[in-house]
Amino acid sequence: MKILIHFSFSPEQIQIFQQIADAHSQHKVVQAHSESEAIAMAEDAEVLLGLFPPAVCEAAPDLRWIQSHSASMDSCFLKSSTEMLW
């Protein structure tokens, strides 16, 4: 499973994410530093962690899970993003 992180975590934090992913079935962790980079990396991503603009979600046809970095999701979900998951 490919996990796309679209958030400004430090390299050390990304390394920790990868260690956790490796401990649980060798999942691949990649980090995008911009929306255009996230779009380019999204094609085979199944998980999106961090920011999830509509263009990134639309570029991820295999997307199964969106994990926000925010505690409140009320204003984050866009209908187009959630429709893709169902």
PDB file of N, CA and C in Angstrom:
ATOM      1  N   MET A   1       0.853  -1.174   0.000  1.00  0.00           N
ATOM      2  CA  MET A   1       0.000   0.000   0.000  1.00  0.00           C
ATOM      3  C   MET A   1       0.900   1.238   0.000  1.00  0.00           C
ATOM      4  N   LYS A   2       0.533   2.205  -0.797  1.00  0.00           N
ATOM      5  CA  LYS A   2       1.280   3.462  -0.848  1.00  0.00           C
ATOM      6  C   LYS A   2       0.556   4.515  -0.006  1.00  0.00           C
ATOM      7  N   ILE A   3       1.308   5.119   0.899  1.00  0.00           N
ATOM      8  CA  ILE A   3       0.790   6.168   1.774  1.00  0.00           C
ATOM      9  C   ILE A   3       1.424   7.481   1.339  1.00  0.00           C
ATOM     10  N   LEU A   4       0.607   8.393   0.863  1.00  0.00           N
ATOM     11  CA  LEU A   4       1.078   9.699   0.415  1.00  0.00           C
ATOM     12  C   LEU A   4       0.882  10.710   1.537  1.00  0.00           C
ATOM     13  N   ILE A   5       1.988  11.280   1.992  1.00  0.00           N
ATOM     14  CA  ILE A   5       1.932  12.308   3.029  1.00  0.00           C
ATOM     15  C   ILE A   5       2.090  13.650   2.348  1.00  0.00           C
ATOM     16  N   HIS A   6       1.075  14.487   2.484  1.00  0.00           N
ATOM     17  CA  HIS A   6       1.078  15.828   1.896  1.00  0.00           C
ATOM     18  C   HIS A   6       0.974  16.829   3.045  1.00  0.00           C
ATOM     19  N   PHE A   7       2.084  16.930   3.766  1.00  0.00           N
ATOM     20  CA  PHE A   7       2.148  17.796   4.933  1.00  0.00           C
ATOM     21  C   PHE A   7       3.616  18.027   5.241  1.00  0.00           C
ATOM     22  N   SER A   8       3.925  19.109   5.919  1.00  0.00           N
ATOM     23  CA  SER A   8       5.317  19.493   6.154  1.00  0.00           C
ATOM     24  C   SER A   8       5.915  18.827   7.395  1.00  0.00           C
ATOM     25  N   PHE A   9       5.893  17.495   7.431  1.00  0.00           N
ATOM     26  CA  PHE A   9       6.579  16.774   8.485  1.00  0.00           C
ATOM     27  C   PHE A   9       8.076  16.823   8.219  1.00  0.00           C
ATOM     28  N   SER A  10       8.863  16.721   9.274  1.00  0.00           N
ATOM     29  CA  SER A  10      10.323  16.728   9.138  1.00  0.00           C
ATOM     30  C   SER A  10      10.794  15.386   8.568  1.00  0.00           C
ATOM     31  N   PRO A  11      12.004  15.350   8.032  1.00  0.00           N
ATOM     32  CA  PRO A  11      12.548  14.068   7.553  1.00  0.00           C
ATOM     33  C   PRO A  11      12.566  13.000   8.650  1.00  0.00           C
ATOM     34  N   GLU A  12      12.835  13.402   9.879  1.00  0.00           N
ATOM     35  CA  GLU A  12      12.830  12.455  10.989  1.00  0.00           C
ATOM     36  C   GLU A  12      11.431  11.884  11.229  1.00  0.00           C
ATOM     37  N   GLN A  13      10.418  12.729  11.115  1.00  0.00           N
ATOM     38  CA  GLN A  13       9.044  12.259  11.287  1.00  0.00           C
ATOM     39  C   GLN A  13       8.647  11.309  10.153  1.00  0.00           C
ATOM     40  N   ILE A  14       9.059  11.629   8.935  1.00  0.00           N
ATOM     41  CA  ILE A  14       8.770  10.753   7.799  1.00  0.00           C
ATOM     42  C   ILE A  14       9.447   9.401   8.001  1.00  0.00           C
ATOM     43  N   GLN A  15      10.663   9.411   8.515  1.00  0.00           N
ATOM     44  CA  GLN A  15      11.380   8.174   8.789  1.00  0.00           C
ATOM     45  C   GLN A  15      10.615   7.329   9.813  1.00  0.00           C
ATOM     46  N   ILE A  16      10.055   7.961  10.814  1.00  0.00           N
ATOM     47  CA  ILE A  16       9.254   7.238  11.804  1.00  0.00           C
ATOM     48  C   ILE A  16       8.004   6.642  11.150  1.00  0.00           C
ATOM     49  N   PHE A  17       7.339   7.420  10.290  1.00  0.00           N
ATOM     50  CA  PHE A  17       6.181   6.886   9.559  1.00  0.00           C
ATOM     51  C   PHE A  17       6.598   5.649   8.759  1.00  0.00           C
ATOM     52  N   GLN A  18       7.752   5.715   8.087  1.00  0.00           N
ATOM     53  CA  GLN A  18       8.192   4.586   7.273  1.00  0.00           C
ATOM     54  C   GLN A  18       8.525   3.379   8.147  1.00  0.00           C
ATOM     55  N   GLN A  19       9.134   3.614   9.292  1.00  0.00           N
ATOM     56  CA  GLN A  19       9.434   2.502  10.203  1.00  0.00           C
ATOM     57  C   GLN A  19       8.151   1.813  10.667  1.00  0.00           C
ATOM     58  N   ILE A  20       7.147   2.602  10.979  1.00  0.00           N
ATOM     59  CA  ILE A  20       5.860   2.029  11.385  1.00  0.00           C
ATOM     60  C   ILE A  20       5.240   1.265  10.222  1.00  0.00           C
ATOM     61  N   ALA A  21       5.290   1.851   9.027  1.00  0.00           N
ATOM     62  CA  ALA A  21       4.739   1.189   7.843  1.00  0.00           C
ATOM     63  C   ALA A  21       5.468  -0.120   7.553  1.00  0.00           C
ATOM     64  N   ASP A  22       6.789  -0.124   7.704  1.00  0.00           N
ATOM     65  CA  ASP A  22       7.573  -1.344   7.476  1.00  0.00           C
ATOM     66  C   ASP A  22       7.214  -2.433   8.479  1.00  0.00           C
ATOM     67  N   ALA A  23       6.912  -2.034   9.692  1.00  0.00           N
ATOM     68  CA  ALA A  23       6.558  -3.003  10.729  1.00  0.00           C
ATOM     69  C   ALA A  23       5.190  -3.632  10.490  1.00  0.00           C
ATOM     70  N   HIS A  24       4.407  -3.008   9.625  1.00  0.00           N
ATOM     71  CA  HIS A  24       3.053  -3.483   9.349  1.00  0.00           C
ATOM     72  C   HIS A  24       2.872  -3.723   7.859  1.00  0.00           C
ATOM     73  N   SER A  25       3.541  -4.722   7.348  1.00  0.00           N
ATOM     74  CA  SER A  25       3.346  -5.195   5.974  1.00  0.00           C
ATOM     75  C   SER A  25       4.070  -4.408   4.889  1.00  0.00           C
ATOM     76  N   GLN A  26       5.151  -3.746   5.210  1.00  0.00           N
ATOM     77  CA  GLN A  26       5.984  -3.127   4.175  1.00  0.00           C
ATOM     78  C   GLN A  26       5.246  -2.099   3.307  1.00  0.00           C
ATOM     79  N   HIS A  27       4.448  -1.254   3.906  1.00  0.00           N
ATOM     80  CA  HIS A  27       3.784  -0.191   3.158  1.00  0.00           C
ATOM     81  C   HIS A  27       4.810   0.852   2.736  1.00  0.00           C
ATOM     82  N   LYS A  28       4.567   1.500   1.615  1.00  0.00           N
ATOM     83  CA  LYS A  28       5.482   2.513   1.093  1.00  0.00           C
ATOM     84  C   LYS A  28       4.987   3.904   1.496  1.00  0.00           C
ATOM     85  N   VAL A  29       5.869   4.706   2.067  1.00  0.00           N
ATOM     86  CA  VAL A  29       5.548   6.070   2.480  1.00  0.00           C
ATOM     87  C   VAL A  29       6.284   7.047   1.569  1.00  0.00           C
ATOM     88  N   VAL A  30       5.545   7.994   0.982  1.00  0.00           N
ATOM     89  CA  VAL A  30       6.151   9.054   0.178  1.00  0.00           C
ATOM     90  C   VAL A  30       5.624  10.389   0.665  1.00  0.00           C
ATOM     91  N   GLN A  31       6.442  11.422   0.521  1.00  0.00           N
ATOM     92  CA  GLN A  31       6.040  12.755   0.983  1.00  0.00           C
ATOM     93  C   GLN A  31       6.056  13.739  -0.177  1.00  0.00           C
ATOM     94  N   ALA A  32       4.978  14.489  -0.306  1.00  0.00           N
ATOM     95  CA  ALA A  32       4.883  15.562  -1.286  1.00  0.00           C
ATOM     96  C   ALA A  32       5.040  16.895  -0.564  1.00  0.00           C
ATOM     97  N   HIS A  33       5.801  17.789  -1.169  1.00  0.00           N
ATOM     98  CA  HIS A  33       6.046  19.095  -0.560  1.00  0.00           C
ATOM     99  C   HIS A  33       5.224  20.215  -1.200  1.00  0.00           C
ATOM    100  N   SER A  34       4.451  19.875  -2.222  1.00  0.00           N
ATOM    101  CA  SER A  34       3.591  20.861  -2.877  1.00  0.00           C
ATOM    102  C   SER A  34       2.380  20.136  -3.462  1.00  0.00           C
ATOM    103  N   GLU A  35       1.370  20.888  -3.810  1.00  0.00           N
ATOM    104  CA  GLU A  35       0.182  20.272  -4.401  1.00  0.00           C
ATOM    105  C   GLU A  35       0.513  19.603  -5.728  1.00  0.00           C
ATOM    106  N   SER A  36       1.340  20.256  -6.551  1.00  0.00           N
ATOM    107  CA  SER A  36       1.679  19.651  -7.847  1.00  0.00           C
ATOM    108  C   SER A  36       2.474  18.358  -7.656  1.00  0.00           C
ATOM    109  N   GLU A  37       3.347  18.330  -6.671  1.00  0.00           N
ATOM    110  CA  GLU A  37       4.090  17.109  -6.363  1.00  0.00           C
ATOM    111  C   GLU A  37       3.138  16.024  -5.851  1.00  0.00           C
ATOM    112  N   ALA A  38       2.177  16.399  -5.024  1.00  0.00           N
ATOM    113  CA  ALA A  38       1.194  15.431  -4.514  1.00  0.00           C
ATOM    114  C   ALA A  38       0.370  14.848  -5.649  1.00  0.00           C
ATOM    115  N   ILE A  39      -0.019  15.677  -6.592  1.00  0.00           N
ATOM    116  CA  ILE A  39      -0.783  15.196  -7.753  1.00  0.00           C
ATOM    117  C   ILE A  39       0.040  14.182  -8.533  1.00  0.00           C
ATOM    118  N   ALA A  40       1.312  14.491  -8.739  1.00  0.00           N
ATOM    119  CA  ALA A  40       2.187  13.598  -9.493  1.00  0.00           C
ATOM    120  C   ALA A  40       2.397  12.263  -8.783  1.00  0.00           C
ATOM    121  N   MET A  41       2.357  12.247  -7.469  1.00  0.00           N
ATOM    122  CA  MET A  41       2.596  11.036  -6.682  1.00  0.00           C
ATOM    123  C   MET A  41       1.320  10.270  -6.355  1.00  0.00           C
ATOM    124  N   ALA A  42       0.173  10.831  -6.653  1.00  0.00           N
ATOM    125  CA  ALA A  42      -1.096  10.291  -6.164  1.00  0.00           C
ATOM    126  C   ALA A  42      -1.640   9.104  -6.940  1.00  0.00           C
ATOM    127  N   GLU A  43      -1.153   8.850  -8.118  1.00  0.00           N
ATOM    128  CA  GLU A  43      -1.772   7.868  -8.998  1.00  0.00           C
ATOM    129  C   GLU A  43      -2.046   6.519  -8.340  1.00  0.00           C
ATOM    130  N   ASP A  44      -1.093   5.981  -7.608  1.00  0.00           N
ATOM    131  CA  ASP A  44      -1.304   4.661  -6.992  1.00  0.00           C
ATOM    132  C   ASP A  44      -1.382   4.721  -5.469  1.00  0.00           C
ATOM    133  N   ALA A  45      -1.634   5.905  -4.931  1.00  0.00           N
ATOM    134  CA  ALA A  45      -1.762   6.051  -3.474  1.00  0.00           C
ATOM    135  C   ALA A  45      -3.124   5.540  -3.008  1.00  0.00           C
ATOM    136  N   GLU A  46      -3.100   4.804  -1.906  1.00  0.00           N
ATOM    137  CA  GLU A  46      -4.346   4.332  -1.301  1.00  0.00           C
ATOM    138  C   GLU A  46      -4.693   5.115  -0.040  1.00  0.00           C
ATOM    139  N   VAL A  47      -3.680   5.757   0.550  1.00  0.00           N
ATOM    140  CA  VAL A  47      -3.878   6.540   1.763  1.00  0.00           C
ATOM    141  C   VAL A  47      -3.287   7.921   1.533  1.00  0.00           C
ATOM    142  N   LEU A  48      -4.014   8.935   1.984  1.00  0.00           N
ATOM    143  CA  LEU A  48      -3.550  10.315   1.914  1.00  0.00           C
ATOM    144  C   LEU A  48      -3.572  10.890   3.320  1.00  0.00           C
ATOM    145  N   LEU A  49      -2.420  11.333   3.782  1.00  0.00           N
ATOM    146  CA  LEU A  49      -2.276  11.891   5.118  1.00  0.00           C
ATOM    147  C   LEU A  49      -1.888  13.351   5.003  1.00  0.00           C
ATOM    148  N   GLY A  50      -2.635  14.210   5.683  1.00  0.00           N
ATOM    149  CA  GLY A  50      -2.304  15.639   5.688  1.00  0.00           C
ATOM    150  C   GLY A  50      -3.316  16.458   4.938  1.00  0.00           C
ATOM    151  N   LEU A  51      -2.850  17.153   3.919  1.00  0.00           N
ATOM    152  CA  LEU A  51      -3.709  18.027   3.110  1.00  0.00           C
ATOM    153  C   LEU A  51      -4.335  17.223   1.979  1.00  0.00           C
ATOM    154  N   PHE A  52      -5.577  17.519   1.662  1.00  0.00           N
ATOM    155  CA  PHE A  52      -6.243  16.765   0.597  1.00  0.00           C
ATOM    156  C   PHE A  52      -7.088  17.668  -0.283  1.00  0.00           C
ATOM    157  N   PRO A  53      -6.448  18.565  -1.055  1.00  0.00           N
ATOM    158  CA  PRO A  53      -7.190  19.389  -1.991  1.00  0.00           C
ATOM    159  C   PRO A  53      -7.870  18.509  -3.043  1.00  0.00           C
ATOM    160  N   PRO A  54      -8.970  18.972  -3.606  1.00  0.00           N
ATOM    161  CA  PRO A  54      -9.710  18.165  -4.589  1.00  0.00           C
ATOM    162  C   PRO A  54      -8.841  17.634  -5.723  1.00  0.00           C
ATOM    163  N   ALA A  55      -7.914  18.434  -6.237  1.00  0.00           N
ATOM    164  CA  ALA A  55      -7.078  17.986  -7.362  1.00  0.00           C
ATOM    165  C   ALA A  55      -6.219  16.787  -6.980  1.00  0.00           C
ATOM    166  N   VAL A  56      -5.755  16.736  -5.752  1.00  0.00           N
ATOM    167  CA  VAL A  56      -4.952  15.594  -5.300  1.00  0.00           C
ATOM    168  C   VAL A  56      -5.842  14.364  -5.173  1.00  0.00           C
ATOM    169  N   CYS A  57      -7.016  14.520  -4.594  1.00  0.00           N
ATOM    170  CA  CYS A  57      -7.946  13.395  -4.465  1.00  0.00           C
ATOM    171  C   CYS A  57      -8.358  12.858  -5.828  1.00  0.00           C
ATOM    172  N   GLU A  58      -8.600  13.746  -6.753  1.00  0.00           N
ATOM    173  CA  GLU A  58      -9.006  13.326  -8.098  1.00  0.00           C
ATOM    174  C   GLU A  58      -7.881  12.584  -8.817  1.00  0.00           C
ATOM    175  N   ALA A  59      -6.646  12.876  -8.477  1.00  0.00           N
ATOM    176  CA  ALA A  59      -5.500  12.221  -9.108  1.00  0.00           C
ATOM    177  C   ALA A  59      -5.189  10.863  -8.481  1.00  0.00           C
ATOM    178  N   ALA A  60      -5.960  10.464  -7.479  1.00  0.00           N
ATOM    179  CA  ALA A  60      -5.716   9.214  -6.752  1.00  0.00           C
ATOM    180  C   ALA A  60      -6.907   8.267  -6.909  1.00  0.00           C
ATOM    181  N   PRO A  61      -7.007   7.570  -8.041  1.00  0.00           N
ATOM    182  CA  PRO A  61      -8.178   6.703  -8.259  1.00  0.00           C
ATOM    183  C   PRO A  61      -8.261   5.525  -7.293  1.00  0.00           C
ATOM    184  N   ASP A  62      -7.136   5.142  -6.674  1.00  0.00           N
ATOM    185  CA  ASP A  62      -7.138   4.018  -5.740  1.00  0.00           C
ATOM    186  C   ASP A  62      -7.286   4.455  -4.287  1.00  0.00           C
ATOM    187  N   LEU A  63      -7.553   5.736  -4.065  1.00  0.00           N
ATOM    188  CA  LEU A  63      -7.633   6.286  -2.721  1.00  0.00           C
ATOM    189  C   LEU A  63      -8.734   5.594  -1.910  1.00  0.00           C
ATOM    190  N   ARG A  64      -8.345   5.120  -0.709  1.00  0.00           N
ATOM    191  CA  ARG A  64      -9.280   4.416   0.161  1.00  0.00           C
ATOM    192  C   ARG A  64      -9.423   5.083   1.514  1.00  0.00           C
ATOM    193  N   TRP A  65      -8.441   5.915   1.890  1.00  0.00           N
ATOM    194  CA  TRP A  65      -8.445   6.494   3.231  1.00  0.00           C
ATOM    195  C   TRP A  65      -7.837   7.878   3.168  1.00  0.00           C
ATOM    196  N   ILE A  66      -8.490   8.834   3.820  1.00  0.00           N
ATOM    197  CA  ILE A  66      -7.948  10.181   3.992  1.00  0.00           C
ATOM    198  C   ILE A  66      -7.802  10.404   5.487  1.00  0.00           C
ATOM    199  N   GLN A  67      -6.580  10.754   5.906  1.00  0.00           N
ATOM    200  CA  GLN A  67      -6.320  11.036   7.309  1.00  0.00           C
ATOM    201  C   GLN A  67      -5.906  12.500   7.422  1.00  0.00           C
ATOM    202  N   SER A  68      -6.711  13.283   8.079  1.00  0.00           N
ATOM    203  CA  SER A  68      -6.411  14.699   8.251  1.00  0.00           C
ATOM    204  C   SER A  68      -5.430  14.917   9.387  1.00  0.00           C
ATOM    205  N   HIS A  69      -4.676  15.965   9.295  1.00  0.00           N
ATOM    206  CA  HIS A  69      -3.781  16.367  10.375  1.00  0.00           C
ATOM    207  C   HIS A  69      -4.517  17.279  11.358  1.00  0.00           C
ATOM    208  N   SER A  70      -5.767  17.578  11.057  1.00  0.00           N
ATOM    209  CA  SER A  70      -6.575  18.512  11.835  1.00  0.00           C
ATOM    210  C   SER A  70      -7.524  17.760  12.769  1.00  0.00           C
ATOM    211  N   ALA A  71      -7.850  18.366  13.888  1.00  0.00           N
ATOM    212  CA  ALA A  71      -8.804  17.764  14.818  1.00  0.00           C
ATOM    213  C   ALA A  71     -10.236  17.978  14.364  1.00  0.00           C
ATOM    214  N   SER A  72     -10.488  19.028  13.642  1.00  0.00           N
ATOM    215  CA  SER A  72     -11.844  19.338  13.191  1.00  0.00           C
ATOM    216  C   SER A  72     -11.958  19.141  11.684  1.00  0.00           C
ATOM    217  N   MET A  73     -12.945  18.381  11.263  1.00  0.00           N
ATOM    218  CA  MET A  73     -13.110  18.085   9.843  1.00  0.00           C
ATOM    219  C   MET A  73     -14.309  18.791   9.224  1.00  0.00           C
ATOM    220  N   ASP A  74     -15.071  19.509  10.007  1.00  0.00           N
ATOM    221  CA  ASP A  74     -16.316  20.089   9.507  1.00  0.00           C
ATOM    222  C   ASP A  74     -16.152  20.914   8.246  1.00  0.00           C
ATOM    223  N   SER A  75     -15.121  21.732   8.188  1.00  0.00           N
ATOM    224  CA  SER A  75     -14.964  22.602   7.029  1.00  0.00           C
ATOM    225  C   SER A  75     -14.035  22.014   5.975  1.00  0.00           C
ATOM    226  N   CYS A  76     -13.478  20.832   6.220  1.00  0.00           N
ATOM    227  CA  CYS A  76     -12.484  20.267   5.309  1.00  0.00           C
ATOM    228  C   CYS A  76     -13.085  19.431   4.199  1.00  0.00           C
ATOM    229  N   PHE A  77     -14.099  18.655   4.504  1.00  0.00           N
ATOM    230  CA  PHE A  77     -14.590  17.715   3.508  1.00  0.00           C
ATOM    231  C   PHE A  77     -15.327  18.407   2.377  1.00  0.00           C
ATOM    232  N   LEU A  78     -14.923  18.065   1.206  1.00  0.00           N
ATOM    233  CA  LEU A  78     -15.592  18.530   0.008  1.00  0.00           C
ATOM    234  C   LEU A  78     -16.371  17.355  -0.562  1.00  0.00           C
ATOM    235  N   LYS A  79     -17.531  17.621  -1.040  1.00  0.00           N
ATOM    236  CA  LYS A  79     -18.373  16.550  -1.552  1.00  0.00           C
ATOM    237  C   LYS A  79     -17.643  15.721  -2.606  1.00  0.00           C
ATOM    238  N   SER A  80     -16.903  16.360  -3.489  1.00  0.00           N
ATOM    239  CA  SER A  80     -16.200  15.627  -4.544  1.00  0.00           C
ATOM    240  C   SER A  80     -15.166  14.670  -3.961  1.00  0.00           C
ATOM    241  N   SER A  81     -14.531  15.045  -2.879  1.00  0.00           N
ATOM    242  CA  SER A  81     -13.509  14.187  -2.266  1.00  0.00           C
ATOM    243  C   SER A  81     -14.138  12.957  -1.629  1.00  0.00           C
ATOM    244  N   THR A  82     -15.213  13.136  -0.907  1.00  0.00           N
ATOM    245  CA  THR A  82     -15.818  12.007  -0.211  1.00  0.00           C
ATOM    246  C   THR A  82     -16.597  11.098  -1.159  1.00  0.00           C
ATOM    247  N   GLU A  83     -17.147  11.632  -2.230  1.00  0.00           N
ATOM    248  CA  GLU A  83     -17.881  10.797  -3.181  1.00  0.00           C
ATOM    249  C   GLU A  83     -16.953   9.773  -3.804  1.00  0.00           C
ATOM    250  N   MET A  84     -15.694  10.115  -3.984  1.00  0.00           N
ATOM    251  CA  MET A  84     -14.741   9.207  -4.593  1.00  0.00           C
ATOM    252  C   MET A  84     -14.496   7.983  -3.739  1.00  0.00           C
ATOM    253  N   LEU A  85     -14.646   8.117  -2.425  1.00  0.00           N
ATOM    254  CA  LEU A  85     -14.382   7.014  -1.526  1.00  0.00           C
ATOM    255  C   LEU A  85     -15.525   6.009  -1.467  1.00  0.00           C
ATOM    256  N   TRP A  86     -16.680   6.376  -1.932  1.00  0.00           N
ATOM    257  CA  TRP A  86     -17.834   5.469  -1.864  1.00  0.00           C
ATOM    258  C   TRP A  86     -18.057   4.919  -3.215  1.00  0.00           C
TER     259      TRP A  86
END
